[in-house]
Amino acid sequence: LLPKGLDWESNQHNRSYEELVLPSKDVAPDHVLQ
């Protein structure tokens, strides 16, 4: 249910929660509350 990722050939793949947090450093933990 987490957002999918794209590889360098534009193929979709599943990502882990941890893989999503790294590129989302600018998204605050309380972003949904905001």
Full PDB file with SEQRES, HELIX, SHEET, SSBOND, CRYST1, ORIGX, SCALE, CONECT and MASTER records, all heavy atoms in Angstrom:
SEQRES   1 A   34  LEU LEU PRO LYS GLY LEU ASP TRP GLU SER ASN GLN HIS          
SEQRES   2 A   34  ASN ARG SER TYR GLU GLU LEU VAL LEU PRO SER LYS ASP          
SEQRES   3 A   34  VAL ALA PRO ASP HIS VAL LEU GLN                              
HELIX    1 AA1 TYR A   17  VAL A   21  1                                   5    
HELIX    2 AA2 LEU A   22  SER A   24  5                                   3    
SHEET    1 AA1 2 GLY A   5  LEU A   6  0                                        
SHEET    2 AA1 2 GLN A  12  HIS A  13 -1                                        
CRYST1    1.000    1.000    1.000  90.00  90.00  90.00 P 1           1          
ORIGX1      1.000000  0.000000  0.000000        0.00000                         
ORIGX2      0.000000  1.000000  0.000000        0.00000                         
ORIGX3      0.000000  0.000000  1.000000        0.00000                         
SCALE1      1.000000  0.000000  0.000000        0.00000                         
SCALE2      0.000000  1.000000  0.000000        0.00000                         
SCALE3      0.000000  0.000000  1.000000        0.00000                         
ATOM      1  N   LEU A   1       0.802  -1.225   0.000  1.00  0.00           N  
ATOM      2  CA  LEU A   1       0.000   0.000   0.000  1.00  0.00           C  
ATOM      3  C   LEU A   1       0.837   1.279   0.000  1.00  0.00           C  
ATOM      4  O   LEU A   1       0.279   2.365  -0.074  1.00  0.00           O  
ATOM      5  CB  LEU A   1      -0.937   0.001   1.213  1.00  0.00           C  
ATOM      6  CG  LEU A   1      -2.000  -1.094   1.203  1.00  0.00           C  
ATOM      7  CD1 LEU A   1      -2.745  -1.120   2.524  1.00  0.00           C  
ATOM      8  CD2 LEU A   1      -2.947  -0.911   0.036  1.00  0.00           C  
ATOM      9  N   LEU A   2       2.153   1.159   0.079  1.00  0.00           N  
ATOM     10  CA  LEU A   2       3.007   2.349   0.072  1.00  0.00           C  
ATOM     11  C   LEU A   2       3.246   2.800  -1.370  1.00  0.00           C  
ATOM     12  O   LEU A   2       3.133   2.001  -2.307  1.00  0.00           O  
ATOM     13  CB  LEU A   2       4.336   2.040   0.766  1.00  0.00           C  
ATOM     14  CG  LEU A   2       4.218   1.788   2.267  1.00  0.00           C  
ATOM     15  CD1 LEU A   2       5.536   1.251   2.830  1.00  0.00           C  
ATOM     16  CD2 LEU A   2       3.809   3.052   2.996  1.00  0.00           C  
ATOM     17  N   PRO A   3       3.581   4.091  -1.555  1.00  0.00           N  
ATOM     18  CA  PRO A   3       3.844   4.570  -2.919  1.00  0.00           C  
ATOM     19  C   PRO A   3       4.944   3.758  -3.597  1.00  0.00           C  
ATOM     20  O   PRO A   3       5.943   3.400  -2.982  1.00  0.00           O  
ATOM     21  CB  PRO A   3       4.284   6.022  -2.704  1.00  0.00           C  
ATOM     22  CG  PRO A   3       3.672   6.415  -1.406  1.00  0.00           C  
ATOM     23  CD  PRO A   3       3.682   5.163  -0.572  1.00  0.00           C  
ATOM     24  N   LYS A   4       4.728   3.453  -4.851  1.00  0.00           N  
ATOM     25  CA  LYS A   4       5.688   2.683  -5.630  1.00  0.00           C  
ATOM     26  C   LYS A   4       6.868   3.568  -6.047  1.00  0.00           C  
ATOM     27  O   LYS A   4       6.770   4.780  -6.093  1.00  0.00           O  
ATOM     28  CB  LYS A   4       5.028   2.128  -6.898  1.00  0.00           C  
ATOM     29  CG  LYS A   4       3.760   1.344  -6.657  1.00  0.00           C  
ATOM     30  CD  LYS A   4       4.042  -0.068  -6.271  1.00  0.00           C  
ATOM     31  CE  LYS A   4       2.784  -0.891  -6.220  1.00  0.00           C  
ATOM     32  NZ  LYS A   4       2.553  -1.507  -4.958  1.00  0.00           N  
ATOM     33  N   GLY A   5       7.958   2.918  -6.378  1.00  0.00           N  
ATOM     34  CA  GLY A   5       9.126   3.615  -6.896  1.00  0.00           C  
ATOM     35  C   GLY A   5       9.332   3.261  -8.354  1.00  0.00           C  
ATOM     36  O   GLY A   5       8.745   2.312  -8.873  1.00  0.00           O  
ATOM     37  N   LEU A   6      10.160   4.036  -9.026  1.00  0.00           N  
ATOM     38  CA  LEU A   6      10.515   3.764 -10.415  1.00  0.00           C  
ATOM     39  C   LEU A   6      12.013   3.548 -10.497  1.00  0.00           C  
ATOM     40  O   LEU A   6      12.784   4.297  -9.904  1.00  0.00           O  
ATOM     41  CB  LEU A   6      10.126   4.934 -11.324  1.00  0.00           C  
ATOM     42  CG  LEU A   6       8.642   5.211 -11.517  1.00  0.00           C  
ATOM     43  CD1 LEU A   6       8.444   6.465 -12.357  1.00  0.00           C  
ATOM     44  CD2 LEU A   6       7.956   4.033 -12.180  1.00  0.00           C  
ATOM     45  N   ASP A   7      12.421   2.523 -11.256  1.00  0.00           N  
ATOM     46  CA  ASP A   7      13.850   2.334 -11.446  1.00  0.00           C  
ATOM     47  C   ASP A   7      14.301   3.125 -12.678  1.00  0.00           C  
ATOM     48  O   ASP A   7      13.504   3.833 -13.301  1.00  0.00           O  
ATOM     49  CB  ASP A   7      14.206   0.848 -11.536  1.00  0.00           C  
ATOM     50  CG  ASP A   7      13.597   0.147 -12.738  1.00  0.00           C  
ATOM     51  OD1 ASP A   7      13.206   0.823 -13.721  1.00  0.00           O  
ATOM     52  OD2 ASP A   7      13.505  -1.098 -12.719  1.00  0.00           O  
ATOM     53  N   TRP A   8      15.566   2.985 -13.020  1.00  0.00           N  
ATOM     54  CA  TRP A   8      16.125   3.791 -14.108  1.00  0.00           C  
ATOM     55  C   TRP A   8      15.523   3.441 -15.460  1.00  0.00           C  
ATOM     56  O   TRP A   8      15.641   4.196 -16.424  1.00  0.00           O  
ATOM     57  CB  TRP A   8      17.647   3.679 -14.125  1.00  0.00           C  
ATOM     58  CG  TRP A   8      18.156   2.273 -14.344  1.00  0.00           C  
ATOM     59  CD1 TRP A   8      18.266   1.289 -13.409  1.00  0.00           C  
ATOM     60  CD2 TRP A   8      18.591   1.729 -15.568  1.00  0.00           C  
ATOM     61  NE1 TRP A   8      18.754   0.144 -13.976  1.00  0.00           N  
ATOM     62  CE2 TRP A   8      18.974   0.395 -15.311  1.00  0.00           C  
ATOM     63  CE3 TRP A   8      18.706   2.223 -16.861  1.00  0.00           C  
ATOM     64  CZ2 TRP A   8      19.444  -0.447 -16.306  1.00  0.00           C  
ATOM     65  CZ3 TRP A   8      19.194   1.382 -17.840  1.00  0.00           C  
ATOM     66  CH2 TRP A   8      19.553   0.065 -17.561  1.00  0.00           C  
ATOM     67  N   GLU A   9      14.811   2.312 -15.571  1.00  0.00           N  
ATOM     68  CA  GLU A   9      14.129   1.933 -16.808  1.00  0.00           C  
ATOM     69  C   GLU A   9      12.631   2.232 -16.742  1.00  0.00           C  
ATOM     70  O   GLU A   9      11.868   1.762 -17.558  1.00  0.00           O  
ATOM     71  CB  GLU A   9      14.356   0.448 -17.096  1.00  0.00           C  
ATOM     72  CG  GLU A   9      15.791   0.103 -17.424  1.00  0.00           C  
ATOM     73  CD  GLU A   9      15.965  -1.373 -17.723  1.00  0.00           C  
ATOM     74  OE1 GLU A   9      15.222  -2.206 -17.134  1.00  0.00           O  
ATOM     75  OE2 GLU A   9      16.842  -1.690 -18.533  1.00  0.00           O  
ATOM     76  N   SER A  10      12.230   2.994 -15.740  1.00  0.00           N  
ATOM     77  CA  SER A  10      10.833   3.379 -15.518  1.00  0.00           C  
ATOM     78  C   SER A  10       9.924   2.206 -15.156  1.00  0.00           C  
ATOM     79  O   SER A  10       8.720   2.255 -15.395  1.00  0.00           O  
ATOM     80  CB  SER A  10      10.270   4.139 -16.723  1.00  0.00           C  
ATOM     81  OG  SER A  10      10.959   5.342 -16.910  1.00  0.00           O  
ATOM     82  N   ASN A  11      10.495   1.161 -14.596  1.00  0.00           N  
ATOM     83  CA  ASN A  11       9.696   0.038 -14.103  1.00  0.00           C  
ATOM     84  C   ASN A  11       9.311   0.306 -12.656  1.00  0.00           C  
ATOM     85  O   ASN A  11      10.141   0.716 -11.860  1.00  0.00           O  
ATOM     86  CB  ASN A  11      10.495  -1.271 -14.187  1.00  0.00           C  
ATOM     87  CG  ASN A  11      10.829  -1.627 -15.615  1.00  0.00           C  
ATOM     88  OD1 ASN A  11       9.994  -1.535 -16.496  1.00  0.00           O  
ATOM     89  ND2 ASN A  11      12.066  -2.037 -15.845  1.00  0.00           N  
ATOM     90  N   GLN A  12       8.044   0.061 -12.338  1.00  0.00           N  
ATOM     91  CA  GLN A  12       7.578   0.248 -10.966  1.00  0.00           C  
ATOM     92  C   GLN A  12       8.048  -0.886 -10.073  1.00  0.00           C  
ATOM     93  O   GLN A  12       8.158  -2.032 -10.523  1.00  0.00           O  
ATOM     94  CB  GLN A  12       6.048   0.285 -10.921  1.00  0.00           C  
ATOM     95  CG  GLN A  12       5.448   1.612 -11.189  1.00  0.00           C  
ATOM     96  CD  GLN A  12       3.982   1.650 -10.779  1.00  0.00           C  
ATOM     97  OE1 GLN A  12       3.353   0.639 -10.517  1.00  0.00           O  
ATOM     98  NE2 GLN A  12       3.435   2.842 -10.729  1.00  0.00           N  
ATOM     99  N   HIS A  13       8.318  -0.543  -8.821  1.00  0.00           N  
ATOM    100  CA  HIS A  13       8.660  -1.555  -7.831  1.00  0.00           C  
ATOM    101  C   HIS A  13       8.170  -1.086  -6.469  1.00  0.00           C  
ATOM    102  O   HIS A  13       7.958   0.104  -6.244  1.00  0.00           O  
ATOM    103  CB  HIS A  13      10.175  -1.820  -7.798  1.00  0.00           C  
ATOM    104  CG  HIS A  13      10.982  -0.609  -7.459  1.00  0.00           C  
ATOM    105  ND1 HIS A  13      11.297  -0.248  -6.176  1.00  0.00           N  
ATOM    106  CD2 HIS A  13      11.529   0.338  -8.256  1.00  0.00           C  
ATOM    107  CE1 HIS A  13      12.001   0.867  -6.193  1.00  0.00           C  
ATOM    108  NE2 HIS A  13      12.159   1.246  -7.435  1.00  0.00           N  
ATOM    109  N   ASN A  14       7.980  -2.036  -5.582  1.00  0.00           N  
ATOM    110  CA  ASN A  14       7.531  -1.708  -4.226  1.00  0.00           C  
ATOM    111  C   ASN A  14       8.680  -1.090  -3.451  1.00  0.00           C  
ATOM    112  O   ASN A  14       9.844  -1.424  -3.671  1.00  0.00           O  
ATOM    113  CB  ASN A  14       7.033  -2.966  -3.507  1.00  0.00           C  
ATOM    114  CG  ASN A  14       5.791  -3.523  -4.139  1.00  0.00           C  
ATOM    115  OD1 ASN A  14       4.946  -2.783  -4.617  1.00  0.00           O  
ATOM    116  ND2 ASN A  14       5.667  -4.823  -4.172  1.00  0.00           N  
ATOM    117  N   ARG A  15       8.335  -0.165  -2.559  1.00  0.00           N  
ATOM    118  CA  ARG A  15       9.339   0.446  -1.690  1.00  0.00           C  
ATOM    119  C   ARG A  15       8.943   0.211  -0.244  1.00  0.00           C  
ATOM    120  O   ARG A  15       7.765   0.134   0.091  1.00  0.00           O  
ATOM    121  CB  ARG A  15       9.431   1.963  -1.945  1.00  0.00           C  
ATOM    122  CG  ARG A  15      10.019   2.296  -3.295  1.00  0.00           C  
ATOM    123  CD  ARG A  15      10.363   3.750  -3.404  1.00  0.00           C  
ATOM    124  NE  ARG A  15       9.147   4.563  -3.485  1.00  0.00           N  
ATOM    125  CZ  ARG A  15       9.161   5.881  -3.638  1.00  0.00           C  
ATOM    126  NH1 ARG A  15      10.291   6.534  -3.720  1.00  0.00           N  
ATOM    127  NH2 ARG A  15       8.036   6.547  -3.707  1.00  0.00           N  
ATOM    128  N   SER A  16       9.956   0.130   0.595  1.00  0.00           N  
ATOM    129  CA  SER A  16       9.712  -0.018   2.026  1.00  0.00           C  
ATOM    130  C   SER A  16       9.463   1.372   2.626  1.00  0.00           C  
ATOM    131  O   SER A  16       9.759   2.399   2.007  1.00  0.00           O  
ATOM    132  CB  SER A  16      10.919  -0.664   2.707  1.00  0.00           C  
ATOM    133  OG  SER A  16      12.024   0.226   2.696  1.00  0.00           O  
ATOM    134  N   TYR A  17       8.952   1.359   3.833  1.00  0.00           N  
ATOM    135  CA  TYR A  17       8.748   2.616   4.556  1.00  0.00           C  
ATOM    136  C   TYR A  17      10.067   3.385   4.659  1.00  0.00           C  
ATOM    137  O   TYR A  17      10.117   4.585   4.405  1.00  0.00           O  
ATOM    138  CB  TYR A  17       8.163   2.333   5.944  1.00  0.00           C  
ATOM    139  CG  TYR A  17       8.069   3.570   6.795  1.00  0.00           C  
ATOM    140  CD1 TYR A  17       7.010   4.451   6.644  1.00  0.00           C  
ATOM    141  CD2 TYR A  17       9.062   3.874   7.718  1.00  0.00           C  
ATOM    142  CE1 TYR A  17       6.935   5.606   7.407  1.00  0.00           C  
ATOM    143  CE2 TYR A  17       8.997   5.025   8.488  1.00  0.00           C  
ATOM    144  CZ  TYR A  17       7.934   5.884   8.326  1.00  0.00           C  
ATOM    145  OH  TYR A  17       7.865   7.030   9.073  1.00  0.00           O  
ATOM    146  N   GLU A  18      11.137   2.678   5.012  1.00  0.00           N  
ATOM    147  CA  GLU A  18      12.450   3.307   5.173  1.00  0.00           C  
ATOM    148  C   GLU A  18      12.937   3.931   3.860  1.00  0.00           C  
ATOM    149  O   GLU A  18      13.541   4.993   3.865  1.00  0.00           O  
ATOM    150  CB  GLU A  18      13.475   2.290   5.691  1.00  0.00           C  
ATOM    151  CG  GLU A  18      13.200   1.810   7.102  1.00  0.00           C  
ATOM    152  CD  GLU A  18      12.067   0.770   7.204  1.00  0.00           C  
ATOM    153  OE1 GLU A  18      11.676   0.163   6.184  1.00  0.00           O  
ATOM    154  OE2 GLU A  18      11.564   0.590   8.325  1.00  0.00           O  
ATOM    155  N   GLU A  19      12.670   3.265   2.735  1.00  0.00           N  
ATOM    156  CA  GLU A  19      13.055   3.802   1.429  1.00  0.00           C  
ATOM    157  C   GLU A  19      12.277   5.075   1.095  1.00  0.00           C  
ATOM    158  O   GLU A  19      12.755   5.912   0.336  1.00  0.00           O  
ATOM    159  CB  GLU A  19      12.833   2.767   0.334  1.00  0.00           C  
ATOM    160  CG  GLU A  19      13.784   1.597   0.377  1.00  0.00           C  
ATOM    161  CD  GLU A  19      13.427   0.521  -0.629  1.00  0.00           C  
ATOM    162  OE1 GLU A  19      12.223   0.192  -0.753  1.00  0.00           O  
ATOM    163  OE2 GLU A  19      14.344   0.006  -1.272  1.00  0.00           O  
ATOM    164  N   LEU A  20      11.099   5.227   1.646  1.00  0.00           N  
ATOM    165  CA  LEU A  20      10.294   6.429   1.406  1.00  0.00           C  
ATOM    166  C   LEU A  20      10.721   7.587   2.294  1.00  0.00           C  
ATOM    167  O   LEU A  20      10.632   8.746   1.896  1.00  0.00           O  
ATOM    168  CB  LEU A  20       8.813   6.133   1.640  1.00  0.00           C  
ATOM    169  CG  LEU A  20       8.153   5.269   0.582  1.00  0.00           C  
ATOM    170  CD1 LEU A  20       6.830   4.735   1.085  1.00  0.00           C  
ATOM    171  CD2 LEU A  20       7.975   6.057  -0.692  1.00  0.00           C  
ATOM    172  N   VAL A  21      11.175   7.293   3.501  1.00  0.00           N  
ATOM    173  CA  VAL A  21      11.554   8.349   4.439  1.00  0.00           C  
ATOM    174  C   VAL A  21      12.792   9.101   3.953  1.00  0.00           C  
ATOM    175  O   VAL A  21      12.844  10.330   4.037  1.00  0.00           O  
ATOM    176  CB  VAL A  21      11.774   7.782   5.855  1.00  0.00           C  
ATOM    177  CG1 VAL A  21      12.367   8.826   6.780  1.00  0.00           C  
ATOM    178  CG2 VAL A  21      10.459   7.283   6.438  1.00  0.00           C  
ATOM    179  N   LEU A  22      13.769   8.386   3.435  1.00  0.00           N  
ATOM    180  CA  LEU A  22      15.032   9.021   3.020  1.00  0.00           C  
ATOM    181  C   LEU A  22      14.837  10.175   2.032  1.00  0.00           C  
ATOM    182  O   LEU A  22      15.325  11.273   2.275  1.00  0.00           O  
ATOM    183  CB  LEU A  22      15.991   7.972   2.448  1.00  0.00           C  
ATOM    184  CG  LEU A  22      16.592   7.030   3.480  1.00  0.00           C  
ATOM    185  CD1 LEU A  22      17.419   5.959   2.794  1.00  0.00           C  
ATOM    186  CD2 LEU A  22      17.433   7.793   4.482  1.00  0.00           C  
ATOM    187  N   PRO A  23      14.113   9.978   0.929  1.00  0.00           N  
ATOM    188  CA  PRO A  23      13.928  11.111   0.007  1.00  0.00           C  
ATOM    189  C   PRO A  23      12.874  12.121   0.475  1.00  0.00           C  
ATOM    190  O   PRO A  23      12.663  13.144  -0.160  1.00  0.00           O  
ATOM    191  CB  PRO A  23      13.503  10.449  -1.299  1.00  0.00           C  
ATOM    192  CG  PRO A  23      12.918   9.150  -0.908  1.00  0.00           C  
ATOM    193  CD  PRO A  23      13.613   8.735   0.363  1.00  0.00           C  
ATOM    194  N   SER A  24      12.219  11.828   1.584  1.00  0.00           N  
ATOM    195  CA  SER A  24      11.152  12.702   2.101  1.00  0.00           C  
ATOM    196  C   SER A  24      11.606  13.474   3.332  1.00  0.00           C  
ATOM    197  O   SER A  24      10.797  13.770   4.206  1.00  0.00           O  
ATOM    198  CB  SER A  24       9.919  11.860   2.445  1.00  0.00           C  
ATOM    199  OG  SER A  24       9.484  11.120   1.348  1.00  0.00           O  
ATOM    200  N   LYS A  25      12.879  13.803   3.419  1.00  0.00           N  
ATOM    201  CA  LYS A  25      13.403  14.500   4.597  1.00  0.00           C  
ATOM    202  C   LYS A  25      12.710  15.839   4.839  1.00  0.00           C  
ATOM    203  O   LYS A  25      12.591  16.276   5.970  1.00  0.00           O  
ATOM    204  CB  LYS A  25      14.909  14.722   4.445  1.00  0.00           C  
ATOM    205  CG  LYS A  25      15.709  13.458   4.536  1.00  0.00           C  
ATOM    206  CD  LYS A  25      17.186  13.736   4.346  1.00  0.00           C  
ATOM    207  CE  LYS A  25      17.954  12.434   4.284  1.00  0.00           C  
ATOM    208  NZ  LYS A  25      19.347  12.642   3.941  1.00  0.00           N  
ATOM    209  N   ASP A  26      12.247  16.479   3.776  1.00  0.00           N  
ATOM    210  CA  ASP A  26      11.575  17.773   3.919  1.00  0.00           C  
ATOM    211  C   ASP A  26      10.123  17.633   4.370  1.00  0.00           C  
ATOM    212  O   ASP A  26       9.473  18.628   4.672  1.00  0.00           O  
ATOM    213  CB  ASP A  26      11.637  18.556   2.608  1.00  0.00           C  
ATOM    214  CG  ASP A  26      13.051  18.935   2.231  1.00  0.00           C  
ATOM    215  OD1 ASP A  26      13.909  19.036   3.132  1.00  0.00           O  
ATOM    216  OD2 ASP A  26      13.306  19.139   1.036  1.00  0.00           O  
ATOM    217  N   VAL A  27       9.616  16.418   4.391  1.00  0.00           N  
ATOM    218  CA  VAL A  27       8.244  16.167   4.842  1.00  0.00           C  
ATOM    219  C   VAL A  27       8.316  15.894   6.341  1.00  0.00           C  
ATOM    220  O   VAL A  27       8.842  14.882   6.777  1.00  0.00           O  
ATOM    221  CB  VAL A  27       7.618  14.970   4.095  1.00  0.00           C  
ATOM    222  CG1 VAL A  27       6.230  14.682   4.630  1.00  0.00           C  
ATOM    223  CG2 VAL A  27       7.566  15.247   2.604  1.00  0.00           C  
ATOM    224  N   ALA A  28       7.772  16.808   7.116  1.00  0.00           N  
ATOM    225  CA  ALA A  28       7.816  16.699   8.581  1.00  0.00           C  
ATOM    226  C   ALA A  28       6.995  15.507   9.052  1.00  0.00           C  
ATOM    227  O   ALA A  28       6.011  15.124   8.398  1.00  0.00           O  
ATOM    228  CB  ALA A  28       7.282  17.979   9.217  1.00  0.00           C  
ATOM    229  N   PRO A  29       7.367  14.924  10.184  1.00  0.00           N  
ATOM    230  CA  PRO A  29       6.577  13.816  10.728  1.00  0.00           C  
ATOM    231  C   PRO A  29       5.113  14.192  10.974  1.00  0.00           C  
ATOM    232  O   PRO A  29       4.228  13.346  10.903  1.00  0.00           O  
ATOM    233  CB  PRO A  29       7.283  13.474  12.039  1.00  0.00           C  
ATOM    234  CG  PRO A  29       8.695  13.888  11.813  1.00  0.00           C  
ATOM    235  CD  PRO A  29       8.595  15.129  10.952  1.00  0.00           C  
ATOM    236  N   ASP A  30       4.831  15.454  11.238  1.00  0.00           N  
ATOM    237  CA  ASP A  30       3.438  15.883  11.473  1.00  0.00           C  
ATOM    238  C   ASP A  30       2.819  16.508  10.217  1.00  0.00           C  
ATOM    239  O   ASP A  30       1.848  17.250  10.294  1.00  0.00           O  
ATOM    240  CB  ASP A  30       3.365  16.844  12.660  1.00  0.00           C  
ATOM    241  CG  ASP A  30       3.981  18.202  12.379  1.00  0.00           C  
ATOM    242  OD1 ASP A  30       4.771  18.335  11.424  1.00  0.00           O  
ATOM    243  OD2 ASP A  30       3.660  19.148  13.121  1.00  0.00           O  
ATOM    244  N   HIS A  31       3.330  16.170   9.056  1.00  0.00           N  
ATOM    245  CA  HIS A  31       2.837  16.740   7.793  1.00  0.00           C  
ATOM    246  C   HIS A  31       1.335  16.505   7.602  1.00  0.00           C  
ATOM    247  O   HIS A  31       0.612  17.409   7.206  1.00  0.00           O  
ATOM    248  CB  HIS A  31       3.629  16.136   6.624  1.00  0.00           C  
ATOM    249  CG  HIS A  31       3.391  16.798   5.314  1.00  0.00           C  
ATOM    250  ND1 HIS A  31       3.959  18.001   4.983  1.00  0.00           N  
ATOM    251  CD2 HIS A  31       2.636  16.427   4.255  1.00  0.00           C  
ATOM    252  CE1 HIS A  31       3.578  18.343   3.768  1.00  0.00           C  
ATOM    253  NE2 HIS A  31       2.769  17.400   3.303  1.00  0.00           N  
ATOM    254  N   VAL A  32       0.875  15.291   7.917  1.00  0.00           N  
ATOM    255  CA  VAL A  32      -0.550  14.991   7.754  1.00  0.00           C  
ATOM    256  C   VAL A  32      -1.389  15.852   8.700  1.00  0.00           C  
ATOM    257  O   VAL A  32      -2.479  16.307   8.337  1.00  0.00           O  
ATOM    258  CB  VAL A  32      -0.842  13.480   7.912  1.00  0.00           C  
ATOM    259  CG1 VAL A  32      -0.690  13.015   9.334  1.00  0.00           C  
ATOM    260  CG2 VAL A  32      -2.223  13.138   7.388  1.00  0.00           C  
ATOM    261  N   LEU A  33      -0.891  16.114   9.903  1.00  0.00           N  
ATOM    262  CA  LEU A  33      -1.592  16.993  10.845  1.00  0.00           C  
ATOM    263  C   LEU A  33      -1.649  18.420  10.297  1.00  0.00           C  
ATOM    264  O   LEU A  33      -2.700  19.069  10.368  1.00  0.00           O  
ATOM    265  CB  LEU A  33      -0.902  16.979  12.210  1.00  0.00           C  
ATOM    266  CG  LEU A  33      -1.470  17.925  13.259  1.00  0.00           C  
ATOM    267  CD1 LEU A  33      -2.923  17.587  13.573  1.00  0.00           C  
ATOM    268  CD2 LEU A  33      -0.615  17.892  14.519  1.00  0.00           C  
ATOM    269  N   GLN A  34      -0.551  18.885   9.739  1.00  0.00           N  
ATOM    270  CA  GLN A  34      -0.525  20.232   9.162  1.00  0.00           C  
ATOM    271  C   GLN A  34      -1.534  20.364   8.029  1.00  0.00           C  
ATOM    272  O   GLN A  34      -2.220  21.383   7.910  1.00  0.00           O  
ATOM    273  CB  GLN A  34       0.882  20.566   8.655  1.00  0.00           C  
ATOM    274  CG  GLN A  34       1.913  20.714   9.754  1.00  0.00           C  
ATOM    275  CD  GLN A  34       3.301  20.949   9.183  1.00  0.00           C  
ATOM    276  OE1 GLN A  34       3.471  21.593   8.158  1.00  0.00           O  
ATOM    277  NE2 GLN A  34       4.311  20.402   9.860  1.00  0.00           N  
TER     278      GLN A  34                                                      
MASTER        0    0    0    2    2    0    0    6  277    1    0    3          
END                                                                             
